[in-house]
Amino acid sequence: MKKTGRVDRRRQERFVLKATSIVLPVGGDMRDALELCTTDISANGAFFATDKPLPTGASVSITIFLIIAAVKNLLGQPGRVRITTEGKVVRSCPAGMGVAFARRYHLEPAEQS
């Protein structure tokens, strides 16, 4: 149990990871999209730092951009990968929001900038 008295119910190990992400409320348009950064991530979800978190229960579409350094050996530069999935806000607090990922996701190369 943590010092806060809350029980940590996470089933997957979390990793500290700062990854640029786009979080879009389901039913919203691109004007509603939030460009956020993950603070940590697991196979089941991530925490997104924001001072304007969405409410608990909100359904979202998520795009996370990762840089894969190992690809540099093949391409001469790190590869960018885009992961897209859906999820639900399971925790909302002043520091940000925790989102549980859907089981289905799509992984594809992202354009190099």
PDB file of N, CA and C in Angstrom:
ATOM      1  N   MET A   1       0.840  -1.169   0.000  1.00  0.00           N
ATOM      2  CA  MET A   1       0.000   0.000   0.000  1.00  0.00           C
ATOM      3  C   MET A   1       0.892   1.242   0.000  1.00  0.00           C
ATOM      4  N   LYS A   2       0.491   2.252  -0.730  1.00  0.00           N
ATOM      5  CA  LYS A   2       1.254   3.489  -0.791  1.00  0.00           C
ATOM      6  C   LYS A   2       0.973   4.337   0.440  1.00  0.00           C
ATOM      7  N   LYS A   3       1.793   5.340   0.656  1.00  0.00           N
ATOM      8  CA  LYS A   3       1.607   6.231   1.797  1.00  0.00           C
ATOM      9  C   LYS A   3       0.297   6.995   1.733  1.00  0.00           C
ATOM     10  N   THR A   4      -0.266   7.133   0.538  1.00  0.00           N
ATOM     11  CA  THR A   4      -1.536   7.852   0.398  1.00  0.00           C
ATOM     12  C   THR A   4      -2.705   7.032   0.932  1.00  0.00           C
ATOM     13  N   GLY A   5      -2.454   5.754   1.206  1.00  0.00           N
ATOM     14  CA  GLY A   5      -3.523   4.890   1.682  1.00  0.00           C
ATOM     15  C   GLY A   5      -4.256   4.210   0.540  1.00  0.00           C
ATOM     16  N   ARG A   6      -3.927   4.562  -0.702  1.00  0.00           N
ATOM     17  CA  ARG A   6      -4.569   3.941  -1.859  1.00  0.00           C
ATOM     18  C   ARG A   6      -3.869   2.641  -2.199  1.00  0.00           C
ATOM     19  N   VAL A   7      -4.629   1.662  -2.610  1.00  0.00           N
ATOM     20  CA  VAL A   7      -4.074   0.394  -3.051  1.00  0.00           C
ATOM     21  C   VAL A   7      -3.776   0.503  -4.540  1.00  0.00           C
ATOM     22  N   ASP A   8      -2.582   0.096  -4.951  1.00  0.00           N
ATOM     23  CA  ASP A   8      -2.204   0.127  -6.355  1.00  0.00           C
ATOM     24  C   ASP A   8      -2.750  -1.137  -7.014  1.00  0.00           C
ATOM     25  N   ARG A   9      -3.749  -0.994  -7.881  1.00  0.00           N
ATOM     26  CA  ARG A   9      -4.417  -2.138  -8.499  1.00  0.00           C
ATOM     27  C   ARG A   9      -3.877  -2.452  -9.895  1.00  0.00           C
ATOM     28  N   ARG A  10      -2.814  -1.815 -10.289  1.00  0.00           N
ATOM     29  CA  ARG A  10      -2.258  -2.038 -11.621  1.00  0.00           C
ATOM     30  C   ARG A  10      -1.762  -3.467 -11.736  1.00  0.00           C
ATOM     31  N   ARG A  11      -2.085  -4.093 -12.853  1.00  0.00           N
ATOM     32  CA  ARG A  11      -1.667  -5.473 -13.077  1.00  0.00           C
ATOM     33  C   ARG A  11      -0.406  -5.561 -13.930  1.00  0.00           C
ATOM     34  N   GLN A  12      -0.096  -4.502 -14.664  1.00  0.00           N
ATOM     35  CA  GLN A  12       1.068  -4.483 -15.538  1.00  0.00           C
ATOM     36  C   GLN A  12       2.118  -3.524 -14.994  1.00  0.00           C
ATOM     37  N   GLU A  13       3.378  -3.878 -15.199  1.00  0.00           N
ATOM     38  CA  GLU A  13       4.450  -2.991 -14.785  1.00  0.00           C
ATOM     39  C   GLU A  13       4.395  -1.712 -15.611  1.00  0.00           C
ATOM     40  N   ARG A  14       4.607  -0.578 -14.948  1.00  0.00           N
ATOM     41  CA  ARG A  14       4.607   0.713 -15.626  1.00  0.00           C
ATOM     42  C   ARG A  14       6.038   1.156 -15.852  1.00  0.00           C
ATOM     43  N   PHE A  15       6.224   1.870 -16.949  1.00  0.00           N
ATOM     44  CA  PHE A  15       7.535   2.381 -17.308  1.00  0.00           C
ATOM     45  C   PHE A  15       7.458   3.890 -17.473  1.00  0.00           C
ATOM     46  N   VAL A  16       8.449   4.578 -16.957  1.00  0.00           N
ATOM     47  CA  VAL A  16       8.518   6.024 -17.157  1.00  0.00           C
ATOM     48  C   VAL A  16       8.810   6.245 -18.637  1.00  0.00           C
ATOM     49  N   LEU A  17       7.939   6.995 -19.304  1.00  0.00           N
ATOM     50  CA  LEU A  17       8.108   7.249 -20.727  1.00  0.00           C
ATOM     51  C   LEU A  17       7.429   8.558 -21.073  1.00  0.00           C
ATOM     52  N   LYS A  18       8.183   9.463 -21.646  1.00  0.00           N
ATOM     53  CA  LYS A  18       7.627  10.722 -22.125  1.00  0.00           C
ATOM     54  C   LYS A  18       7.495  10.604 -23.632  1.00  0.00           C
ATOM     55  N   ALA A  19       6.261  10.417 -24.088  1.00  0.00           N
ATOM     56  CA  ALA A  19       5.988  10.256 -25.512  1.00  0.00           C
ATOM     57  C   ALA A  19       4.902  11.240 -25.923  1.00  0.00           C
ATOM     58  N   THR A  20       5.158  11.954 -27.011  1.00  0.00           N
ATOM     59  CA  THR A  20       4.162  12.875 -27.553  1.00  0.00           C
ATOM     60  C   THR A  20       2.938  12.075 -27.969  1.00  0.00           C
ATOM     61  N   SER A  21       1.763  12.586 -27.640  1.00  0.00           N
ATOM     62  CA  SER A  21       0.521  11.870 -27.903  1.00  0.00           C
ATOM     63  C   SER A  21      -0.579  12.846 -28.302  1.00  0.00           C
ATOM     64  N   ILE A  22      -1.529  12.329 -29.060  1.00  0.00           N
ATOM     65  CA  ILE A  22      -2.737  13.073 -29.390  1.00  0.00           C
ATOM     66  C   ILE A  22      -3.896  12.311 -28.757  1.00  0.00           C
ATOM     67  N   VAL A  23      -4.675  12.994 -27.922  1.00  0.00           N
ATOM     68  CA  VAL A  23      -5.838  12.384 -27.275  1.00  0.00           C
ATOM     69  C   VAL A  23      -7.068  13.148 -27.768  1.00  0.00           C
ATOM     70  N   LEU A  24      -8.001  12.426 -28.367  1.00  0.00           N
ATOM     71  CA  LEU A  24      -9.199  13.028 -28.945  1.00  0.00           C
ATOM     72  C   LEU A  24     -10.437  12.406 -28.316  1.00  0.00           C
ATOM     73  N   PRO A  25     -11.284  13.214 -27.688  1.00  0.00           N
ATOM     74  CA  PRO A  25     -12.527  12.654 -27.159  1.00  0.00           C
ATOM     75  C   PRO A  25     -13.350  12.031 -28.292  1.00  0.00           C
ATOM     76  N   VAL A  26     -13.888  10.833 -28.075  1.00  0.00           N
ATOM     77  CA  VAL A  26     -14.710  10.173 -29.081  1.00  0.00           C
ATOM     78  C   VAL A  26     -15.916  11.063 -29.373  1.00  0.00           C
ATOM     79  N   GLY A  27     -16.170  11.274 -30.649  1.00  0.00           N
ATOM     80  CA  GLY A  27     -17.268  12.148 -31.060  1.00  0.00           C
ATOM     81  C   GLY A  27     -16.826  13.584 -31.270  1.00  0.00           C
ATOM     82  N   GLY A  28     -15.601  13.912 -30.876  1.00  0.00           N
ATOM     83  CA  GLY A  28     -15.088  15.264 -31.063  1.00  0.00           C
ATOM     84  C   GLY A  28     -14.458  15.415 -32.435  1.00  0.00           C
ATOM     85  N   ASP A  29     -14.071  16.634 -32.777  1.00  0.00           N
ATOM     86  CA  ASP A  29     -13.332  16.850 -34.016  1.00  0.00           C
ATOM     87  C   ASP A  29     -11.923  17.313 -33.652  1.00  0.00           C
ATOM     88  N   MET A  30     -11.096  17.548 -34.637  1.00  0.00           N
ATOM     89  CA  MET A  30      -9.689  17.855 -34.379  1.00  0.00           C
ATOM     90  C   MET A  30      -9.499  19.107 -33.526  1.00  0.00           C
ATOM     91  N   ARG A  31     -10.479  19.986 -33.474  1.00  0.00           N
ATOM     92  CA  ARG A  31     -10.367  21.160 -32.588  1.00  0.00           C
ATOM     93  C   ARG A  31     -10.386  20.739 -31.123  1.00  0.00           C
ATOM     94  N   ASP A  32     -10.930  19.552 -30.844  1.00  0.00           N
ATOM     95  CA  ASP A  32     -10.999  19.037 -29.474  1.00  0.00           C
ATOM     96  C   ASP A  32      -9.774  18.206 -29.102  1.00  0.00           C
ATOM     97  N   ALA A  33      -8.883  17.965 -30.080  1.00  0.00           N
ATOM     98  CA  ALA A  33      -7.710  17.120 -29.844  1.00  0.00           C
ATOM     99  C   ALA A  33      -6.758  17.796 -28.863  1.00  0.00           C
ATOM    100  N   LEU A  34      -6.206  16.986 -27.974  1.00  0.00           N
ATOM    101  CA  LEU A  34      -5.240  17.460 -26.992  1.00  0.00           C
ATOM    102  C   LEU A  34      -3.874  16.893 -27.344  1.00  0.00           C
ATOM    103  N   GLU A  35      -2.873  17.748 -27.507  1.00  0.00           N
ATOM    104  CA  GLU A  35      -1.509  17.257 -27.695  1.00  0.00           C
ATOM    105  C   GLU A  35      -0.888  17.185 -26.312  1.00  0.00           C
ATOM    106  N   LEU A  36      -0.648  15.967 -25.855  1.00  0.00           N
ATOM    107  CA  LEU A  36      -0.182  15.725 -24.492  1.00  0.00           C
ATOM    108  C   LEU A  36       1.087  14.889 -24.519  1.00  0.00           C
ATOM    109  N   CYS A  37       1.627  14.672 -23.348  1.00  0.00           N
ATOM    110  CA  CYS A  37       2.814  13.833 -23.196  1.00  0.00           C
ATOM    111  C   CYS A  37       2.518  12.793 -22.119  1.00  0.00           C
ATOM    112  N   THR A  38       2.870  11.546 -22.397  1.00  0.00           N
ATOM    113  CA  THR A  38       2.726  10.521 -21.368  1.00  0.00           C
ATOM    114  C   THR A  38       3.791  10.754 -20.301  1.00  0.00           C
ATOM    115  N   THR A  39       3.490  10.365 -19.081  1.00  0.00           N
ATOM    116  CA  THR A  39       4.513  10.387 -18.027  1.00  0.00           C
ATOM    117  C   THR A  39       4.951   8.969 -17.702  1.00  0.00           C
ATOM    118  N   ASP A  40       4.012   8.028 -17.835  1.00  0.00           N
ATOM    119  CA  ASP A  40       4.327   6.612 -17.692  1.00  0.00           C
ATOM    120  C   ASP A  40       3.327   5.815 -18.500  1.00  0.00           C
ATOM    121  N   ILE A  41       3.706   4.573 -18.788  1.00  0.00           N
ATOM    122  CA  ILE A  41       2.888   3.751 -19.676  1.00  0.00           C
ATOM    123  C   ILE A  41       3.048   2.283 -19.297  1.00  0.00           C
ATOM    124  N   SER A  42       2.014   1.493 -19.563  1.00  0.00           N
ATOM    125  CA  SER A  42       2.067   0.041 -19.398  1.00  0.00           C
ATOM    126  C   SER A  42       1.314  -0.572 -20.566  1.00  0.00           C
ATOM    127  N   ALA A  43       1.219  -1.875 -20.577  1.00  0.00           N
ATOM    128  CA  ALA A  43       0.462  -2.554 -21.632  1.00  0.00           C
ATOM    129  C   ALA A  43      -1.029  -2.224 -21.542  1.00  0.00           C
ATOM    130  N   ASN A  44      -1.495  -1.819 -20.361  1.00  0.00           N
ATOM    131  CA  ASN A  44      -2.925  -1.569 -20.164  1.00  0.00           C
ATOM    132  C   ASN A  44      -3.337  -0.106 -20.204  1.00  0.00           C
ATOM    133  N   GLY A  45      -2.385   0.822 -20.121  1.00  0.00           N
ATOM    134  CA  GLY A  45      -2.782   2.222 -20.101  1.00  0.00           C
ATOM    135  C   GLY A  45      -1.609   3.161 -19.911  1.00  0.00           C
ATOM    136  N   ALA A  46      -1.951   4.439 -19.783  1.00  0.00           N
ATOM    137  CA  ALA A  46      -0.922   5.471 -19.617  1.00  0.00           C
ATOM    138  C   ALA A  46      -1.494   6.621 -18.811  1.00  0.00           C
ATOM    139  N   PHE A  47      -0.572   7.415 -18.253  1.00  0.00           N
ATOM    140  CA  PHE A  47      -0.968   8.646 -17.580  1.00  0.00           C
ATOM    141  C   PHE A  47      -0.502   9.797 -18.460  1.00  0.00           C
ATOM    142  N   PHE A  48      -1.418  10.722 -18.737  1.00  0.00           N
ATOM    143  CA  PHE A  48      -1.136  11.880 -19.578  1.00  0.00           C
ATOM    144  C   PHE A  48      -1.144  13.127 -18.709  1.00  0.00           C
ATOM    145  N   ALA A  49      -0.033  13.850 -18.718  1.00  0.00           N
ATOM    146  CA  ALA A  49       0.059  15.089 -17.949  1.00  0.00           C
ATOM    147  C   ALA A  49      -0.733  16.180 -18.659  1.00  0.00           C
ATOM    148  N   THR A  50      -1.632  16.844 -17.940  1.00  0.00           N
ATOM    149  CA  THR A  50      -2.406  17.956 -18.482  1.00  0.00           C
ATOM    150  C   THR A  50      -3.055  18.717 -17.333  1.00  0.00           C
ATOM    151  N   ASP A  51      -3.203  20.015 -17.519  1.00  0.00           N
ATOM    152  CA  ASP A  51      -3.909  20.805 -16.513  1.00  0.00           C
ATOM    153  C   ASP A  51      -5.399  20.895 -16.834  1.00  0.00           C
ATOM    154  N   LYS A  52      -5.820  20.234 -17.925  1.00  0.00           N
ATOM    155  CA  LYS A  52      -7.231  20.193 -18.311  1.00  0.00           C
ATOM    156  C   LYS A  52      -7.640  18.747 -18.616  1.00  0.00           C
ATOM    157  N   PRO A  53      -7.636  17.883 -17.600  1.00  0.00           N
ATOM    158  CA  PRO A  53      -7.971  16.475 -17.844  1.00  0.00           C
ATOM    159  C   PRO A  53      -9.438  16.305 -18.226  1.00  0.00           C
ATOM    160  N   LEU A  54      -9.698  15.291 -19.022  1.00  0.00           N
ATOM    161  CA  LEU A  54     -11.071  14.931 -19.366  1.00  0.00           C
ATOM    162  C   LEU A  54     -11.703  14.236 -18.169  1.00  0.00           C
ATOM    163  N   PRO A  55     -13.021  14.214 -18.106  1.00  0.00           N
ATOM    164  CA  PRO A  55     -13.672  13.576 -16.950  1.00  0.00           C
ATOM    165  C   PRO A  55     -13.549  12.060 -16.966  1.00  0.00           C
ATOM    166  N   THR A  56     -13.554  11.480 -15.782  1.00  0.00           N
ATOM    167  CA  THR A  56     -13.543  10.031 -15.646  1.00  0.00           C
ATOM    168  C   THR A  56     -14.720   9.454 -16.416  1.00  0.00           C
ATOM    169  N   GLY A  57     -14.459   8.403 -17.170  1.00  0.00           N
ATOM    170  CA  GLY A  57     -15.498   7.767 -17.969  1.00  0.00           C
ATOM    171  C   GLY A  57     -15.507   8.212 -19.424  1.00  0.00           C
ATOM    172  N   ALA A  58     -14.795   9.280 -19.758  1.00  0.00           N
ATOM    173  CA  ALA A  58     -14.767   9.766 -21.144  1.00  0.00           C
ATOM    174  C   ALA A  58     -14.056   8.751 -22.043  1.00  0.00           C
ATOM    175  N   SER A  59     -14.631   8.479 -23.198  1.00  0.00           N
ATOM    176  CA  SER A  59     -14.009   7.613 -24.196  1.00  0.00           C
ATOM    177  C   SER A  59     -13.130   8.468 -25.093  1.00  0.00           C
ATOM    178  N   VAL A  60     -11.940   7.940 -25.431  1.00  0.00           N
ATOM    179  CA  VAL A  60     -10.983   8.714 -26.216  1.00  0.00           C
ATOM    180  C   VAL A  60     -10.322   7.852 -27.291  1.00  0.00           C
ATOM    181  N   SER A  61      -9.889   8.515 -28.352  1.00  0.00           N
ATOM    182  CA  SER A  61      -8.994   7.920 -29.349  1.00  0.00           C
ATOM    183  C   SER A  61      -7.605   8.433 -29.019  1.00  0.00           C
ATOM    184  N   ILE A  62      -6.614   7.570 -29.123  1.00  0.00           N
ATOM    185  CA  ILE A  62      -5.257   7.918 -28.695  1.00  0.00           C
ATOM    186  C   ILE A  62      -4.268   7.582 -29.806  1.00  0.00           C
ATOM    187  N   THR A  63      -3.357   8.501 -30.058  1.00  0.00           N
ATOM    188  CA  THR A  63      -2.223   8.252 -30.938  1.00  0.00           C
ATOM    189  C   THR A  63      -0.961   8.581 -30.151  1.00  0.00           C
ATOM    190  N   ILE A  64      -0.077   7.621 -30.036  1.00  0.00           N
ATOM    191  CA  ILE A  64       1.187   7.807 -29.310  1.00  0.00           C
ATOM    192  C   ILE A  64       2.324   7.649 -30.315  1.00  0.00           C
ATOM    193  N   PHE A  65       3.254   8.592 -30.293  1.00  0.00           N
ATOM    194  CA  PHE A  65       4.400   8.562 -31.197  1.00  0.00           C
ATOM    195  C   PHE A  65       5.639   8.135 -30.414  1.00  0.00           C
ATOM    196  N   LEU A  66       6.316   7.101 -30.913  1.00  0.00           N
ATOM    197  CA  LEU A  66       7.525   6.598 -30.280  1.00  0.00           C
ATOM    198  C   LEU A  66       8.686   6.675 -31.258  1.00  0.00           C
ATOM    199  N   ILE A  67       9.858   6.930 -30.733  1.00  0.00           N
ATOM    200  CA  ILE A  67      11.072   6.896 -31.535  1.00  0.00           C
ATOM    201  C   ILE A  67      11.813   5.622 -31.159  1.00  0.00           C
ATOM    202  N   ILE A  68      12.099   4.798 -32.154  1.00  0.00           N
ATOM    203  CA  ILE A  68      12.759   3.527 -31.934  1.00  0.00           C
ATOM    204  C   ILE A  68      14.211   3.644 -32.397  1.00  0.00           C
ATOM    205  N   ALA A  69      15.108   3.783 -31.454  1.00  0.00           N
ATOM    206  CA  ALA A  69      16.520   4.002 -31.769  1.00  0.00           C
ATOM    207  C   ALA A  69      17.133   2.805 -32.493  1.00  0.00           C
ATOM    208  N   ALA A  70      16.643   1.600 -32.230  1.00  0.00           N
ATOM    209  CA  ALA A  70      17.224   0.401 -32.839  1.00  0.00           C
ATOM    210  C   ALA A  70      17.086   0.412 -34.359  1.00  0.00           C
ATOM    211  N   VAL A  71      16.137   1.145 -34.896  1.00  0.00           N
ATOM    212  CA  VAL A  71      15.926   1.212 -36.346  1.00  0.00           C
ATOM    213  C   VAL A  71      17.076   1.959 -37.026  1.00  0.00           C
ATOM    214  N   LYS A  72      17.828   2.730 -36.263  1.00  0.00           N
ATOM    215  CA  LYS A  72      18.927   3.521 -36.823  1.00  0.00           C
ATOM    216  C   LYS A  72      19.929   2.640 -37.568  1.00  0.00           C
ATOM    217  N   ASN A  73      20.152   1.437 -37.104  1.00  0.00           N
ATOM    218  CA  ASN A  73      21.084   0.532 -37.774  1.00  0.00           C
ATOM    219  C   ASN A  73      20.617   0.177 -39.187  1.00  0.00           C
ATOM    220  N   LEU A  74      19.312   0.153 -39.412  1.00  0.00           N
ATOM    221  CA  LEU A  74      18.773  -0.191 -40.724  1.00  0.00           C
ATOM    222  C   LEU A  74      18.603   1.019 -41.632  1.00  0.00           C
ATOM    223  N   LEU A  75      18.122   2.127 -41.081  1.00  0.00           N
ATOM    224  CA  LEU A  75      17.782   3.292 -41.892  1.00  0.00           C
ATOM    225  C   LEU A  75      18.775   4.436 -41.800  1.00  0.00           C
ATOM    226  N   GLY A  76      19.692   4.364 -40.851  1.00  0.00           N
ATOM    227  CA  GLY A  76      20.624   5.468 -40.667  1.00  0.00           C
ATOM    228  C   GLY A  76      20.061   6.577 -39.800  1.00  0.00           C
ATOM    229  N   GLN A  77      18.827   6.429 -39.372  1.00  0.00           N
ATOM    230  CA  GLN A  77      18.197   7.391 -38.465  1.00  0.00           C
ATOM    231  C   GLN A  77      17.173   6.644 -37.619  1.00  0.00           C
ATOM    232  N   PRO A  78      16.902   7.157 -36.423  1.00  0.00           N
ATOM    233  CA  PRO A  78      15.902   6.485 -35.588  1.00  0.00           C
ATOM    234  C   PRO A  78      14.549   6.438 -36.300  1.00  0.00           C
ATOM    235  N   GLY A  79      13.827   5.366 -36.107  1.00  0.00           N
ATOM    236  CA  GLY A  79      12.507   5.232 -36.722  1.00  0.00           C
ATOM    237  C   GLY A  79      11.419   5.780 -35.818  1.00  0.00           C
ATOM    238  N   ARG A  80      10.411   6.355 -36.432  1.00  0.00           N
ATOM    239  CA  ARG A  80       9.240   6.823 -35.681  1.00  0.00           C
ATOM    240  C   ARG A  80       8.098   5.866 -35.919  1.00  0.00           C
ATOM    241  N   VAL A  81       7.422   5.516 -34.853  1.00  0.00           N
ATOM    242  CA  VAL A  81       6.298   4.594 -34.909  1.00  0.00           C
ATOM    243  C   VAL A  81       5.078   5.283 -34.311  1.00  0.00           C
ATOM    244  N   ARG A  82       3.932   5.037 -34.920  1.00  0.00           N
ATOM    245  CA  ARG A  82       2.673   5.589 -34.418  1.00  0.00           C
ATOM    246  C   ARG A  82       1.809   4.424 -33.942  1.00  0.00           C
ATOM    247  N   ILE A  83       1.357   4.510 -32.689  1.00  0.00           N
ATOM    248  CA  ILE A  83       0.447   3.516 -32.114  1.00  0.00           C
ATOM    249  C   ILE A  83      -0.899   4.200 -31.939  1.00  0.00           C
ATOM    250  N   THR A  84      -1.950   3.605 -32.496  1.00  0.00           N
ATOM    251  CA  THR A  84      -3.290   4.162 -32.327  1.00  0.00           C
ATOM    252  C   THR A  84      -4.169   3.131 -31.631  1.00  0.00           C
ATOM    253  N   THR A  85      -4.994   3.622 -30.716  1.00  0.00           N
ATOM    254  CA  THR A  85      -5.915   2.765 -29.978  1.00  0.00           C
ATOM    255  C   THR A  85      -7.041   3.637 -29.433  1.00  0.00           C
ATOM    256  N   GLU A  86      -7.932   3.030 -28.748  1.00  0.00           N
ATOM    257  CA  GLU A  86      -8.980   3.752 -28.041  1.00  0.00           C
ATOM    258  C   GLU A  86      -8.843   3.439 -26.567  1.00  0.00           C
ATOM    259  N   GLY A  87      -9.517   4.210 -25.749  1.00  0.00           N
ATOM    260  CA  GLY A  87      -9.436   3.973 -24.322  1.00  0.00           C
ATOM    261  C   GLY A  87     -10.504   4.719 -23.574  1.00  0.00           C
ATOM    262  N   LYS A  88     -10.415   4.633 -22.257  1.00  0.00           N
ATOM    263  CA  LYS A  88     -11.375   5.286 -21.377  1.00  0.00           C
ATOM    264  C   LYS A  88     -10.611   5.925 -20.232  1.00  0.00           C
ATOM    265  N   VAL A  89     -10.983   7.161 -19.910  1.00  0.00           N
ATOM    266  CA  VAL A  89     -10.365   7.844 -18.776  1.00  0.00           C
ATOM    267  C   VAL A  89     -10.837   7.147 -17.499  1.00  0.00           C
ATOM    268  N   VAL A  90      -9.878   6.638 -16.721  1.00  0.00           N
ATOM    269  CA  VAL A  90     -10.212   5.923 -15.492  1.00  0.00           C
ATOM    270  C   VAL A  90      -9.834   6.716 -14.249  1.00  0.00           C
ATOM    271  N   ARG A  91      -9.036   7.775 -14.457  1.00  0.00           N
ATOM    272  CA  ARG A  91      -8.661   8.640 -13.327  1.00  0.00           C
ATOM    273  C   ARG A  91      -8.427  10.035 -13.869  1.00  0.00           C
ATOM    274  N   SER A  92      -8.986  11.013 -13.185  1.00  0.00           N
ATOM    275  CA  SER A  92      -8.830  12.410 -13.568  1.00  0.00           C
ATOM    276  C   SER A  92      -8.462  13.189 -12.310  1.00  0.00           C
ATOM    277  N   CYS A  93      -7.352  13.938 -12.390  1.00  0.00           N
ATOM    278  CA  CYS A  93      -6.891  14.699 -11.237  1.00  0.00           C
ATOM    279  C   CYS A  93      -6.218  15.984 -11.737  1.00  0.00           C
ATOM    280  N   PRO A  94      -5.879  16.904 -10.855  1.00  0.00           N
ATOM    281  CA  PRO A  94      -5.279  18.161 -11.305  1.00  0.00           C
ATOM    282  C   PRO A  94      -3.985  17.997 -12.112  1.00  0.00           C
ATOM    283  N   ALA A  95      -3.254  16.896 -11.908  1.00  0.00           N
ATOM    284  CA  ALA A  95      -1.986  16.690 -12.616  1.00  0.00           C
ATOM    285  C   ALA A  95      -2.160  16.052 -13.992  1.00  0.00           C
ATOM    286  N   GLY A  96      -3.350  15.492 -14.258  1.00  0.00           N
ATOM    287  CA  GLY A  96      -3.566  14.843 -15.546  1.00  0.00           C
ATOM    288  C   GLY A  96      -4.632  13.776 -15.478  1.00  0.00           C
ATOM    289  N   MET A  97      -4.503  12.781 -16.368  1.00  0.00           N
ATOM    290  CA  MET A  97      -5.528  11.731 -16.418  1.00  0.00           C
ATOM    291  C   MET A  97      -4.905  10.387 -16.772  1.00  0.00           C
ATOM    292  N   GLY A  98      -5.442   9.360 -16.140  1.00  0.00           N
ATOM    293  CA  GLY A  98      -5.060   7.989 -16.436  1.00  0.00           C
ATOM    294  C   GLY A  98      -6.051   7.409 -17.413  1.00  0.00           C
ATOM    295  N   VAL A  99      -5.548   6.794 -18.470  1.00  0.00           N
ATOM    296  CA  VAL A  99      -6.404   6.218 -19.499  1.00  0.00           C
ATOM    297  C   VAL A  99      -6.110   4.728 -19.623  1.00  0.00           C
ATOM    298  N   ALA A 100      -7.150   3.912 -19.558  1.00  0.00           N
ATOM    299  CA  ALA A 100      -7.027   2.473 -19.795  1.00  0.00           C
ATOM    300  C   ALA A 100      -7.189   2.239 -21.288  1.00  0.00           C
ATOM    301  N   PHE A 101      -6.248   1.488 -21.876  1.00  0.00           N
ATOM    302  CA  PHE A 101      -6.291   1.208 -23.308  1.00  0.00           C
ATOM    303  C   PHE A 101      -7.281   0.106 -23.627  1.00  0.00           C
ATOM    304  N   ALA A 102      -7.867   0.188 -24.832  1.00  0.00           N
ATOM    305  CA  ALA A 102      -8.658  -0.916 -25.365  1.00  0.00           C
ATOM    306  C   ALA A 102      -7.686  -2.041 -25.719  1.00  0.00           C
ATOM    307  N   ARG A 103      -8.168  -3.217 -25.884  1.00  0.00           N
ATOM    308  CA  ARG A 103      -7.307  -4.357 -26.193  1.00  0.00           C
ATOM    309  C   ARG A 103      -6.752  -4.285 -27.617  1.00  0.00           C
ATOM    310  N   ARG A 104      -7.456  -3.617 -28.510  1.00  0.00           N
ATOM    311  CA  ARG A 104      -7.026  -3.544 -29.905  1.00  0.00           C
ATOM    312  C   ARG A 104      -6.216  -2.279 -30.146  1.00  0.00           C
ATOM    313  N   TYR A 105      -5.159  -2.415 -30.937  1.00  0.00           N
ATOM    314  CA  TYR A 105      -4.349  -1.261 -31.294  1.00  0.00           C
ATOM    315  C   TYR A 105      -3.790  -1.468 -32.698  1.00  0.00           C
ATOM    316  N   HIS A 106      -3.289  -0.380 -33.270  1.00  0.00           N
ATOM    317  CA  HIS A 106      -2.689  -0.425 -34.594  1.00  0.00           C
ATOM    318  C   HIS A 106      -1.305   0.206 -34.498  1.00  0.00           C
ATOM    319  N   LEU A 107      -0.310  -0.447 -35.048  1.00  0.00           N
ATOM    320  CA  LEU A 107       1.073   0.022 -35.009  1.00  0.00           C
ATOM    321  C   LEU A 107       1.548   0.196 -36.443  1.00  0.00           C
ATOM    322  N   GLU A 108       2.082   1.383 -36.757  1.00  0.00           N
ATOM    323  CA  GLU A 108       2.562   1.624 -38.121  1.00  0.00           C
ATOM    324  C   GLU A 108       3.693   2.636 -38.108  1.00  0.00           C
ATOM    325  N   PRO A 109       4.527   2.621 -39.140  1.00  0.00           N
ATOM    326  CA  PRO A 109       5.589   3.636 -39.224  1.00  0.00           C
ATOM    327  C   PRO A 109       4.959   5.021 -39.338  1.00  0.00           C
ATOM    328  N   ALA A 110       5.603   5.993 -38.728  1.00  0.00           N
ATOM    329  CA  ALA A 110       5.153   7.379 -38.834  1.00  0.00           C
ATOM    330  C   ALA A 110       6.131   8.114 -39.737  1.00  0.00           C
ATOM    331  N   GLU A 111       5.638   9.133 -40.397  1.00  0.00           N
ATOM    332  CA  GLU A 111       6.503   9.915 -41.273  1.00  0.00           C
ATOM    333  C   GLU A 111       7.642  10.520 -40.494  1.00  0.00           C
ATOM    334  N   GLN A 112       8.801  10.543 -41.095  1.00  0.00           N
ATOM    335  CA  GLN A 112       9.968  11.178 -40.475  1.00  0.00           C
ATOM    336  C   GLN A 112       9.858  12.692 -40.655  1.00  0.00           C
ATOM    337  N   SER A 113      10.231  13.431 -39.626  1.00  0.00           N
ATOM    338  CA  SER A 113      10.162  14.892 -39.749  1.00  0.00           C
ATOM    339  C   SER A 113      11.540  15.491 -39.835  1.00  0.00           C
TER     340      SER A 113
END
